[in-house]
Amino acid sequence: MKNSEFITGKVPITKEEVRAISIMKLDLVKAKRFIDVGAGTGSVSIEAAYNYPNLEVVSIERNDDSLELINKNVEKFKLNNIEIIKGYAPVEIESKVDAVFIGGTGNNLNEIILWSKNMLVEGGRLVANFIIVETFNETLKLLREHDFENIDVSVLNVSKLEKLGRGEYFKPLNPIYIISCEKGRD
């Protein structure tokens, strides 16, 4: 989905190139349940729910402006497979999930990593995106400490062609650190 398809506001959106890679790494083809932590505009939740209509999506967000955008986008795309939870992860969720996406942690990183490990089925996928190097490094350390397996790390640098005077140039976006891994055996 293109960024322009989403209703946006002042809340940052996970850019379409980052979403494409992150959703692919979540491996949602056979998944039944998926959690999006720190959902922001809901772009990851919306695209996952739209592309996988049999997937139950749980979108967790604490910011009121973000929640309003998620609801507007759910309505726009006529989705009925997203549950929106206003809260600060970790939150109480009844059953295990196949995948967790972490888009924001609100300084609650260790608790979210431990909670995600508890929520995931064996072999379940966790994907996290970061722009801040220190948060990326801390996450990588915690995933290793908590015995996540098949940890894969990428840095995505995207630049967009824009006009500049009489010519054009590639305007760079923030580099994004993408971590993907699996829950090992308990």
N, C-alpha and C. Protein backbone atom coordinates (compact mmCIF):
# COMPACT_ATOMS: atom_id res chain seq x y z
N MET A 1 0.85 -1.18 0.00
CA MET A 1 0.00 0.00 0.00
C MET A 1 0.89 1.24 0.00
N LYS A 2 0.48 2.23 -0.71
CA LYS A 2 1.24 3.47 -0.76
C LYS A 2 0.91 4.33 0.46
N ASN A 3 1.88 5.12 0.91
CA ASN A 3 1.63 6.01 2.04
C ASN A 3 0.46 6.94 1.77
N SER A 4 0.31 7.37 0.51
CA SER A 4 -0.74 8.31 0.14
C SER A 4 -2.14 7.73 0.31
N GLU A 5 -2.28 6.42 0.44
CA GLU A 5 -3.58 5.79 0.62
C GLU A 5 -4.09 5.94 2.05
N PHE A 6 -3.19 6.23 2.99
CA PHE A 6 -3.57 6.31 4.40
C PHE A 6 -3.97 7.72 4.79
N ILE A 7 -4.91 7.79 5.72
CA ILE A 7 -5.23 9.06 6.37
C ILE A 7 -4.14 9.29 7.40
N THR A 8 -3.45 10.41 7.29
CA THR A 8 -2.35 10.69 8.22
C THR A 8 -2.55 12.04 8.88
N GLY A 9 -1.80 12.28 9.91
CA GLY A 9 -1.83 13.55 10.62
C GLY A 9 -0.41 13.89 11.01
N LYS A 10 -0.24 14.30 12.25
CA LYS A 10 1.09 14.63 12.75
C LYS A 10 1.83 13.41 13.28
N VAL A 11 1.15 12.27 13.31
CA VAL A 11 1.74 11.03 13.80
C VAL A 11 2.62 10.43 12.70
N PRO A 12 3.86 10.04 13.02
CA PRO A 12 4.72 9.46 11.99
C PRO A 12 4.14 8.14 11.45
N ILE A 13 4.34 7.91 10.16
CA ILE A 13 3.87 6.69 9.52
C ILE A 13 5.07 5.82 9.17
N THR A 14 4.92 4.51 9.32
CA THR A 14 5.96 3.58 8.85
C THR A 14 5.90 3.63 7.33
N LYS A 15 6.99 4.07 6.72
CA LYS A 15 7.01 4.28 5.26
C LYS A 15 6.78 2.97 4.51
N GLU A 16 6.22 3.09 3.31
CA GLU A 16 5.79 1.91 2.54
C GLU A 16 6.92 0.92 2.28
N GLU A 17 8.13 1.40 2.03
CA GLU A 17 9.26 0.49 1.79
C GLU A 17 9.61 -0.29 3.05
N VAL A 18 9.53 0.37 4.19
CA VAL A 18 9.81 -0.28 5.48
C VAL A 18 8.71 -1.27 5.81
N ARG A 19 7.45 -0.88 5.57
CA ARG A 19 6.32 -1.79 5.80
C ARG A 19 6.45 -3.05 4.96
N ALA A 20 6.81 -2.88 3.69
CA ALA A 20 6.91 -4.03 2.78
C ALA A 20 7.90 -5.06 3.32
N ILE A 21 9.06 -4.59 3.75
CA ILE A 21 10.08 -5.51 4.27
C ILE A 21 9.65 -6.08 5.62
N SER A 22 9.14 -5.23 6.50
CA SER A 22 8.75 -5.68 7.84
C SER A 22 7.63 -6.71 7.78
N ILE A 23 6.61 -6.46 6.97
CA ILE A 23 5.50 -7.40 6.86
C ILE A 23 5.97 -8.71 6.25
N MET A 24 6.86 -8.64 5.26
CA MET A 24 7.41 -9.87 4.68
C MET A 24 8.15 -10.67 5.75
N LYS A 25 8.93 -9.99 6.60
CA LYS A 25 9.69 -10.68 7.63
C LYS A 25 8.79 -11.24 8.74
N LEU A 26 7.59 -10.69 8.91
CA LEU A 26 6.64 -11.23 9.89
C LEU A 26 6.07 -12.57 9.44
N ASP A 27 6.15 -12.86 8.16
CA ASP A 27 5.71 -14.15 7.61
C ASP A 27 4.27 -14.48 8.04
N LEU A 28 3.34 -13.63 7.61
CA LEU A 28 1.95 -13.73 8.04
C LEU A 28 1.08 -14.64 7.18
N VAL A 29 1.64 -15.27 6.16
CA VAL A 29 0.85 -16.07 5.21
C VAL A 29 -0.02 -17.10 5.92
N LYS A 30 0.53 -17.83 6.88
CA LYS A 30 -0.23 -18.87 7.58
C LYS A 30 -0.61 -18.46 9.00
N ALA A 31 -0.32 -17.21 9.35
CA ALA A 31 -0.58 -16.73 10.71
C ALA A 31 -2.08 -16.57 10.97
N LYS A 32 -2.45 -16.74 12.23
CA LYS A 32 -3.84 -16.55 12.64
C LYS A 32 -4.02 -15.25 13.43
N ARG A 33 -3.04 -14.94 14.29
CA ARG A 33 -3.12 -13.73 15.14
C ARG A 33 -1.81 -12.97 15.10
N PHE A 34 -1.93 -11.65 15.14
CA PHE A 34 -0.78 -10.76 15.01
C PHE A 34 -1.00 -9.53 15.89
N ILE A 35 0.06 -9.12 16.60
CA ILE A 35 0.00 -7.92 17.45
C ILE A 35 0.93 -6.84 16.88
N ASP A 36 0.41 -5.62 16.81
CA ASP A 36 1.18 -4.45 16.41
C ASP A 36 1.31 -3.55 17.64
N VAL A 37 2.52 -3.46 18.19
CA VAL A 37 2.77 -2.68 19.41
C VAL A 37 3.27 -1.29 19.02
N GLY A 38 2.66 -0.26 19.59
CA GLY A 38 3.03 1.11 19.25
C GLY A 38 2.61 1.40 17.82
N ALA A 39 1.33 1.19 17.54
CA ALA A 39 0.82 1.15 16.17
C ALA A 39 0.86 2.48 15.42
N GLY A 40 0.96 3.60 16.12
CA GLY A 40 1.04 4.89 15.42
C GLY A 40 -0.17 5.14 14.56
N THR A 41 0.02 5.37 13.26
CA THR A 41 -1.10 5.59 12.34
C THR A 41 -1.85 4.30 12.04
N GLY A 42 -1.24 3.17 12.41
CA GLY A 42 -1.85 1.88 12.14
C GLY A 42 -1.49 1.32 10.78
N SER A 43 -0.52 1.90 10.10
CA SER A 43 -0.22 1.48 8.73
C SER A 43 0.20 0.01 8.64
N VAL A 44 0.98 -0.49 9.61
CA VAL A 44 1.38 -1.90 9.60
C VAL A 44 0.16 -2.78 9.88
N SER A 45 -0.63 -2.43 10.87
CA SER A 45 -1.85 -3.17 11.19
C SER A 45 -2.80 -3.20 10.00
N ILE A 46 -3.02 -2.04 9.41
CA ILE A 46 -3.97 -1.90 8.30
C ILE A 46 -3.51 -2.73 7.10
N GLU A 47 -2.25 -2.61 6.73
CA GLU A 47 -1.76 -3.35 5.57
C GLU A 47 -1.79 -4.86 5.82
N ALA A 48 -1.44 -5.28 7.02
CA ALA A 48 -1.49 -6.70 7.34
C ALA A 48 -2.94 -7.21 7.29
N ALA A 49 -3.85 -6.47 7.90
CA ALA A 49 -5.26 -6.87 7.92
C ALA A 49 -5.85 -6.88 6.52
N TYR A 50 -5.48 -5.93 5.71
CA TYR A 50 -5.99 -5.81 4.34
C TYR A 50 -5.48 -6.96 3.47
N ASN A 51 -4.19 -7.26 3.57
CA ASN A 51 -3.59 -8.29 2.72
C ASN A 51 -3.87 -9.71 3.20
N TYR A 52 -4.20 -9.86 4.48
CA TYR A 52 -4.48 -11.17 5.07
C TYR A 52 -5.83 -11.11 5.79
N PRO A 53 -6.94 -11.18 5.04
CA PRO A 53 -8.26 -10.97 5.64
C PRO A 53 -8.65 -12.00 6.70
N ASN A 54 -7.99 -13.16 6.73
CA ASN A 54 -8.29 -14.16 7.76
C ASN A 54 -7.44 -13.99 9.01
N LEU A 55 -6.57 -13.00 9.01
CA LEU A 55 -5.68 -12.72 10.13
C LEU A 55 -6.40 -11.85 11.16
N GLU A 56 -6.31 -12.24 12.44
CA GLU A 56 -6.80 -11.38 13.52
C GLU A 56 -5.66 -10.45 13.90
N VAL A 57 -5.89 -9.15 13.82
CA VAL A 57 -4.87 -8.16 14.13
C VAL A 57 -5.25 -7.43 15.41
N VAL A 58 -4.30 -7.34 16.33
CA VAL A 58 -4.48 -6.58 17.56
C VAL A 58 -3.52 -5.40 17.49
N SER A 59 -4.09 -4.21 17.49
CA SER A 59 -3.31 -2.98 17.34
C SER A 59 -3.30 -2.25 18.69
N ILE A 60 -2.11 -2.09 19.27
CA ILE A 60 -1.99 -1.46 20.59
C ILE A 60 -1.35 -0.08 20.44
N GLU A 61 -2.02 0.92 20.97
CA GLU A 61 -1.52 2.30 20.88
C GLU A 61 -2.04 3.07 22.08
N ARG A 62 -1.23 4.00 22.60
CA ARG A 62 -1.64 4.77 23.78
C ARG A 62 -2.00 6.22 23.47
N ASN A 63 -1.55 6.72 22.32
CA ASN A 63 -1.73 8.13 21.97
C ASN A 63 -3.10 8.36 21.32
N ASP A 64 -3.86 9.31 21.85
CA ASP A 64 -5.22 9.57 21.36
C ASP A 64 -5.26 9.98 19.88
N ASP A 65 -4.32 10.83 19.45
CA ASP A 65 -4.29 11.24 18.04
C ASP A 65 -4.02 10.03 17.13
N SER A 66 -3.13 9.16 17.57
CA SER A 66 -2.83 7.95 16.81
C SER A 66 -4.04 7.03 16.74
N LEU A 67 -4.72 6.85 17.87
CA LEU A 67 -5.90 5.99 17.91
C LEU A 67 -6.99 6.50 16.96
N GLU A 68 -7.14 7.81 16.90
CA GLU A 68 -8.12 8.39 15.98
C GLU A 68 -7.76 8.06 14.52
N LEU A 69 -6.47 8.15 14.19
CA LEU A 69 -6.02 7.83 12.83
C LEU A 69 -6.22 6.35 12.51
N ILE A 70 -5.90 5.48 13.46
CA ILE A 70 -6.09 4.04 13.25
C ILE A 70 -7.57 3.76 12.95
N ASN A 71 -8.45 4.32 13.77
CA ASN A 71 -9.89 4.11 13.56
C ASN A 71 -10.35 4.64 12.21
N LYS A 72 -9.86 5.80 11.82
CA LYS A 72 -10.23 6.36 10.51
C LYS A 72 -9.75 5.47 9.37
N ASN A 73 -8.53 4.93 9.51
CA ASN A 73 -8.00 4.05 8.46
C ASN A 73 -8.71 2.70 8.42
N VAL A 74 -9.07 2.18 9.58
CA VAL A 74 -9.85 0.93 9.62
C VAL A 74 -11.18 1.14 8.88
N GLU A 75 -11.81 2.28 9.14
CA GLU A 75 -13.07 2.62 8.49
C GLU A 75 -12.88 2.81 6.99
N LYS A 76 -11.84 3.54 6.61
CA LYS A 76 -11.58 3.81 5.19
C LYS A 76 -11.40 2.52 4.40
N PHE A 77 -10.66 1.56 4.96
CA PHE A 77 -10.38 0.32 4.25
C PHE A 77 -11.42 -0.78 4.54
N LYS A 78 -12.46 -0.42 5.32
CA LYS A 78 -13.56 -1.34 5.62
C LYS A 78 -13.07 -2.67 6.18
N LEU A 79 -12.22 -2.58 7.20
CA LEU A 79 -11.63 -3.77 7.81
C LEU A 79 -12.41 -4.18 9.05
N ASN A 80 -12.63 -5.47 9.21
CA ASN A 80 -13.32 -5.95 10.41
C ASN A 80 -12.48 -6.99 11.16
N ASN A 81 -11.18 -7.07 10.82
CA ASN A 81 -10.32 -8.05 11.48
C ASN A 81 -9.24 -7.37 12.34
N ILE A 82 -9.52 -6.14 12.79
CA ILE A 82 -8.58 -5.43 13.67
C ILE A 82 -9.27 -5.09 14.98
N GLU A 83 -8.62 -5.47 16.08
CA GLU A 83 -9.05 -5.05 17.41
C GLU A 83 -8.07 -3.97 17.85
N ILE A 84 -8.60 -2.82 18.22
CA ILE A 84 -7.75 -1.70 18.65
C ILE A 84 -7.82 -1.61 20.16
N ILE A 85 -6.64 -1.63 20.79
CA ILE A 85 -6.57 -1.52 22.24
C ILE A 85 -5.85 -0.23 22.59
N LYS A 86 -6.54 0.62 23.37
CA LYS A 86 -5.88 1.82 23.89
C LYS A 86 -5.12 1.39 25.13
N GLY A 87 -3.81 1.51 25.07
CA GLY A 87 -3.03 1.10 26.21
C GLY A 87 -1.55 1.23 25.97
N TYR A 88 -0.83 0.89 27.01
CA TYR A 88 0.62 0.98 27.05
C TYR A 88 1.14 -0.44 27.21
N ALA A 89 1.68 -1.00 26.15
CA ALA A 89 2.14 -2.41 26.21
C ALA A 89 3.20 -2.56 27.29
N PRO A 90 3.19 -3.72 27.96
CA PRO A 90 2.37 -4.90 27.70
C PRO A 90 0.94 -4.75 28.25
N VAL A 91 0.00 -5.38 27.53
CA VAL A 91 -1.40 -5.40 27.94
C VAL A 91 -1.86 -6.85 28.02
N GLU A 92 -2.99 -7.04 28.68
CA GLU A 92 -3.57 -8.38 28.83
C GLU A 92 -4.23 -8.80 27.51
N ILE A 93 -3.75 -9.90 26.95
CA ILE A 93 -4.35 -10.47 25.74
C ILE A 93 -4.52 -11.96 26.01
N GLU A 94 -5.70 -12.48 25.64
CA GLU A 94 -6.06 -13.83 26.05
C GLU A 94 -5.25 -14.96 25.43
N SER A 95 -5.04 -14.95 24.13
CA SER A 95 -4.41 -16.13 23.53
C SER A 95 -3.11 -15.78 22.82
N LYS A 96 -2.33 -16.80 22.55
CA LYS A 96 -1.02 -16.65 21.90
C LYS A 96 -1.17 -16.10 20.49
N VAL A 97 -0.07 -15.58 19.97
CA VAL A 97 -0.06 -14.99 18.62
C VAL A 97 1.08 -15.59 17.81
N ASP A 98 0.97 -15.46 16.50
CA ASP A 98 1.98 -15.97 15.59
C ASP A 98 3.08 -14.95 15.30
N ALA A 99 2.76 -13.67 15.48
CA ALA A 99 3.73 -12.63 15.15
C ALA A 99 3.48 -11.37 15.96
N VAL A 100 4.58 -10.66 16.23
CA VAL A 100 4.52 -9.37 16.93
C VAL A 100 5.38 -8.39 16.15
N PHE A 101 4.82 -7.20 15.91
CA PHE A 101 5.58 -6.11 15.32
C PHE A 101 5.73 -5.03 16.38
N ILE A 102 6.96 -4.56 16.58
CA ILE A 102 7.20 -3.48 17.54
C ILE A 102 7.61 -2.24 16.75
N GLY A 103 6.71 -1.25 16.77
CA GLY A 103 6.97 0.01 16.08
C GLY A 103 7.30 1.12 17.07
N GLY A 104 6.92 0.93 18.31
CA GLY A 104 7.20 1.91 19.36
C GLY A 104 7.15 1.22 20.71
N THR A 105 7.98 1.70 21.64
CA THR A 105 8.05 1.05 22.95
C THR A 105 7.77 1.98 24.12
N GLY A 106 7.79 3.28 23.90
CA GLY A 106 7.51 4.21 24.98
C GLY A 106 8.34 3.97 26.22
N ASN A 107 9.63 3.71 26.05
CA ASN A 107 10.55 3.46 27.16
C ASN A 107 10.17 2.26 28.01
N ASN A 108 9.52 1.28 27.40
CA ASN A 108 9.09 0.08 28.10
C ASN A 108 9.65 -1.15 27.40
N LEU A 109 10.84 -1.02 26.84
CA LEU A 109 11.41 -2.02 25.94
C LEU A 109 11.56 -3.41 26.55
N ASN A 110 12.22 -3.51 27.70
CA ASN A 110 12.46 -4.82 28.30
C ASN A 110 11.15 -5.55 28.59
N GLU A 111 10.18 -4.84 29.16
CA GLU A 111 8.89 -5.45 29.47
C GLU A 111 8.19 -5.92 28.20
N ILE A 112 8.27 -5.13 27.12
CA ILE A 112 7.62 -5.50 25.85
C ILE A 112 8.29 -6.72 25.23
N ILE A 113 9.62 -6.80 25.31
CA ILE A 113 10.33 -7.96 24.77
C ILE A 113 9.93 -9.23 25.53
N LEU A 114 9.93 -9.16 26.86
CA LEU A 114 9.54 -10.33 27.67
C LEU A 114 8.09 -10.72 27.42
N TRP A 115 7.21 -9.74 27.36
CA TRP A 115 5.79 -9.98 27.09
C TRP A 115 5.60 -10.60 25.71
N SER A 116 6.33 -10.08 24.71
CA SER A 116 6.24 -10.62 23.35
C SER A 116 6.66 -12.08 23.33
N LYS A 117 7.73 -12.39 24.04
CA LYS A 117 8.20 -13.78 24.09
C LYS A 117 7.13 -14.67 24.70
N ASN A 118 6.46 -14.20 25.73
CA ASN A 118 5.40 -14.95 26.37
C ASN A 118 4.18 -15.10 25.46
N MET A 119 3.89 -14.07 24.66
CA MET A 119 2.70 -14.07 23.80
C MET A 119 2.88 -14.92 22.54
N LEU A 120 4.12 -15.07 22.07
CA LEU A 120 4.37 -15.77 20.82
C LEU A 120 4.29 -17.29 20.95
N VAL A 121 3.74 -17.94 19.93
CA VAL A 121 3.81 -19.39 19.85
C VAL A 121 5.26 -19.77 19.56
N GLU A 122 5.62 -21.01 19.81
CA GLU A 122 6.97 -21.46 19.48
C GLU A 122 7.22 -21.26 17.98
N GLY A 123 8.33 -20.63 17.65
CA GLY A 123 8.65 -20.33 16.26
C GLY A 123 7.99 -19.06 15.75
N GLY A 124 7.20 -18.39 16.63
CA GLY A 124 6.54 -17.15 16.24
C GLY A 124 7.55 -16.06 15.90
N ARG A 125 7.16 -15.15 15.04
CA ARG A 125 8.06 -14.11 14.53
C ARG A 125 7.89 -12.79 15.28
N LEU A 126 9.01 -12.14 15.55
CA LEU A 126 9.03 -10.79 16.10
C LEU A 126 9.83 -9.93 15.14
N VAL A 127 9.26 -8.79 14.77
CA VAL A 127 9.95 -7.82 13.93
C VAL A 127 9.84 -6.46 14.62
N ALA A 128 10.96 -5.75 14.68
CA ALA A 128 11.00 -4.44 15.34
C ALA A 128 11.72 -3.45 14.44
N ASN A 129 11.21 -2.21 14.41
CA ASN A 129 11.82 -1.14 13.63
C ASN A 129 12.28 -0.02 14.56
N PHE A 130 13.45 0.54 14.25
CA PHE A 130 13.99 1.62 15.07
C PHE A 130 14.69 2.66 14.21
N ILE A 131 14.65 3.90 14.65
CA ILE A 131 15.48 4.94 14.03
C ILE A 131 16.58 5.37 14.99
N ILE A 132 16.42 5.08 16.27
CA ILE A 132 17.40 5.50 17.27
C ILE A 132 18.39 4.35 17.52
N VAL A 133 19.66 4.61 17.31
CA VAL A 133 20.70 3.59 17.39
C VAL A 133 20.74 2.94 18.77
N GLU A 134 20.62 3.73 19.83
CA GLU A 134 20.70 3.18 21.18
C GLU A 134 19.55 2.20 21.46
N THR A 135 18.36 2.51 20.98
CA THR A 135 17.22 1.62 21.17
C THR A 135 17.42 0.34 20.38
N PHE A 136 17.94 0.46 19.16
CA PHE A 136 18.27 -0.71 18.35
C PHE A 136 19.27 -1.61 19.10
N ASN A 137 20.36 -1.01 19.61
CA ASN A 137 21.39 -1.79 20.32
C ASN A 137 20.83 -2.47 21.56
N GLU A 138 20.01 -1.76 22.31
CA GLU A 138 19.40 -2.34 23.52
C GLU A 138 18.47 -3.49 23.16
N THR A 139 17.70 -3.34 22.09
CA THR A 139 16.79 -4.40 21.66
C THR A 139 17.56 -5.64 21.25
N LEU A 140 18.60 -5.46 20.47
CA LEU A 140 19.42 -6.59 20.03
C LEU A 140 19.99 -7.34 21.24
N LYS A 141 20.49 -6.59 22.22
CA LYS A 141 21.02 -7.18 23.45
C LYS A 141 19.94 -7.98 24.18
N LEU A 142 18.75 -7.40 24.32
CA LEU A 142 17.66 -8.07 25.04
C LEU A 142 17.18 -9.32 24.31
N LEU A 143 17.08 -9.25 23.00
CA LEU A 143 16.64 -10.42 22.23
C LEU A 143 17.62 -11.58 22.41
N ARG A 144 18.91 -11.27 22.44
CA ARG A 144 19.92 -12.31 22.66
C ARG A 144 19.82 -12.85 24.08
N GLU A 145 19.69 -11.96 25.06
CA GLU A 145 19.58 -12.38 26.47
C GLU A 145 18.37 -13.27 26.70
N HIS A 146 17.28 -13.00 25.99
CA HIS A 146 16.03 -13.73 26.20
C HIS A 146 15.86 -14.88 25.20
N ASP A 147 16.97 -15.29 24.61
CA ASP A 147 17.05 -16.51 23.80
C ASP A 147 16.15 -16.54 22.56
N PHE A 148 15.94 -15.39 21.93
CA PHE A 148 15.29 -15.39 20.63
C PHE A 148 16.28 -15.99 19.64
N GLU A 149 15.76 -16.62 18.60
CA GLU A 149 16.61 -17.33 17.64
C GLU A 149 16.52 -16.70 16.25
N ASN A 150 17.47 -17.09 15.40
CA ASN A 150 17.51 -16.64 14.01
C ASN A 150 17.37 -15.12 13.90
N ILE A 151 18.14 -14.42 14.73
CA ILE A 151 18.10 -12.96 14.72
C ILE A 151 18.74 -12.45 13.44
N ASP A 152 17.99 -11.62 12.73
CA ASP A 152 18.45 -11.03 11.48
C ASP A 152 18.31 -9.52 11.60
N VAL A 153 19.35 -8.79 11.18
CA VAL A 153 19.34 -7.33 11.29
C VAL A 153 19.65 -6.72 9.94
N SER A 154 18.87 -5.71 9.57
CA SER A 154 19.09 -4.96 8.34
C SER A 154 18.99 -3.48 8.66
N VAL A 155 19.68 -2.69 7.86
CA VAL A 155 19.50 -1.24 7.89
C VAL A 155 18.97 -0.85 6.53
N LEU A 156 17.85 -0.17 6.53
CA LEU A 156 17.23 0.24 5.28
C LEU A 156 17.42 1.74 5.10
N ASN A 157 18.05 2.10 3.99
CA ASN A 157 18.23 3.51 3.62
C ASN A 157 17.42 3.77 2.37
N VAL A 158 16.43 4.65 2.48
CA VAL A 158 15.56 4.97 1.36
C VAL A 158 15.73 6.44 1.03
N SER A 159 15.82 6.72 -0.25
CA SER A 159 15.85 8.10 -0.73
C SER A 159 14.78 8.24 -1.80
N LYS A 160 14.13 9.40 -1.84
CA LYS A 160 13.05 9.66 -2.78
C LYS A 160 13.47 10.76 -3.75
N LEU A 161 13.19 10.56 -5.02
CA LEU A 161 13.51 11.54 -6.05
C LEU A 161 12.61 12.76 -5.89
N GLU A 162 13.24 13.93 -5.79
CA GLU A 162 12.50 15.18 -5.64
C GLU A 162 13.12 16.26 -6.51
N LYS A 163 12.31 17.24 -6.84
CA LYS A 163 12.80 18.36 -7.65
C LYS A 163 13.67 19.27 -6.79
N LEU A 164 14.69 19.83 -7.41
CA LEU A 164 15.56 20.80 -6.76
C LEU A 164 15.97 21.79 -7.84
N GLY A 165 15.37 22.97 -7.76
CA GLY A 165 15.67 23.96 -8.81
C GLY A 165 15.24 23.43 -10.16
N ARG A 166 16.20 23.42 -11.10
CA ARG A 166 15.90 22.94 -12.46
C ARG A 166 16.11 21.43 -12.59
N GLY A 167 16.62 20.81 -11.55
CA GLY A 167 16.94 19.38 -11.63
C GLY A 167 16.21 18.56 -10.60
N GLU A 168 16.76 17.39 -10.35
CA GLU A 168 16.21 16.47 -9.37
C GLU A 168 17.33 15.88 -8.54
N TYR A 169 16.98 15.47 -7.33
CA TYR A 169 17.95 14.80 -6.47
C TYR A 169 17.23 13.77 -5.61
N PHE A 170 18.00 12.87 -5.00
CA PHE A 170 17.43 11.89 -4.09
C PHE A 170 17.51 12.42 -2.67
N LYS A 171 16.33 12.72 -2.09
CA LYS A 171 16.26 13.21 -0.71
C LYS A 171 16.21 12.00 0.21
N PRO A 172 17.21 11.85 1.10
CA PRO A 172 17.23 10.68 1.98
C PRO A 172 16.22 10.78 3.12
N LEU A 173 15.63 9.62 3.46
CA LEU A 173 14.80 9.48 4.64
C LEU A 173 15.67 8.91 5.76
N ASN A 174 15.17 8.94 6.98
CA ASN A 174 15.93 8.37 8.10
C ASN A 174 16.25 6.90 7.84
N PRO A 175 17.48 6.47 8.14
CA PRO A 175 17.76 5.03 8.08
C PRO A 175 16.92 4.31 9.13
N ILE A 176 16.45 3.12 8.79
CA ILE A 176 15.62 2.32 9.69
C ILE A 176 16.34 1.01 9.98
N TYR A 177 16.47 0.70 11.26
CA TYR A 177 17.04 -0.57 11.69
C TYR A 177 15.89 -1.55 11.82
N ILE A 178 15.99 -2.68 11.13
CA ILE A 178 14.94 -3.70 11.16
C ILE A 178 15.53 -4.97 11.77
N ILE A 179 14.94 -5.41 12.86
CA ILE A 179 15.35 -6.65 13.51
C ILE A 179 14.22 -7.65 13.33
N SER A 180 14.56 -8.86 12.91
CA SER A 180 13.56 -9.93 12.87
C SER A 180 14.15 -11.15 13.56
N CYS A 181 13.29 -11.92 14.22
CA CYS A 181 13.76 -13.11 14.93
C CYS A 181 12.57 -14.01 15.23
N GLU A 182 12.87 -15.15 15.84
CA GLU A 182 11.85 -16.13 16.20
C GLU A 182 11.95 -16.46 17.67
N LYS A 183 10.80 -16.80 18.22
CA LYS A 183 10.79 -17.31 19.59
C LYS A 183 11.28 -18.76 19.53
N GLY A 184 12.25 -19.08 20.36
CA GLY A 184 12.74 -20.44 20.45
C GLY A 184 11.86 -21.28 21.36
N ARG A 185 12.35 -22.44 21.70
CA ARG A 185 11.61 -23.32 22.61
C ARG A 185 11.72 -22.79 24.04
N ASP A 186 10.64 -22.98 24.78
CA ASP A 186 10.64 -22.54 26.19
C ASP A 186 11.46 -23.47 27.05
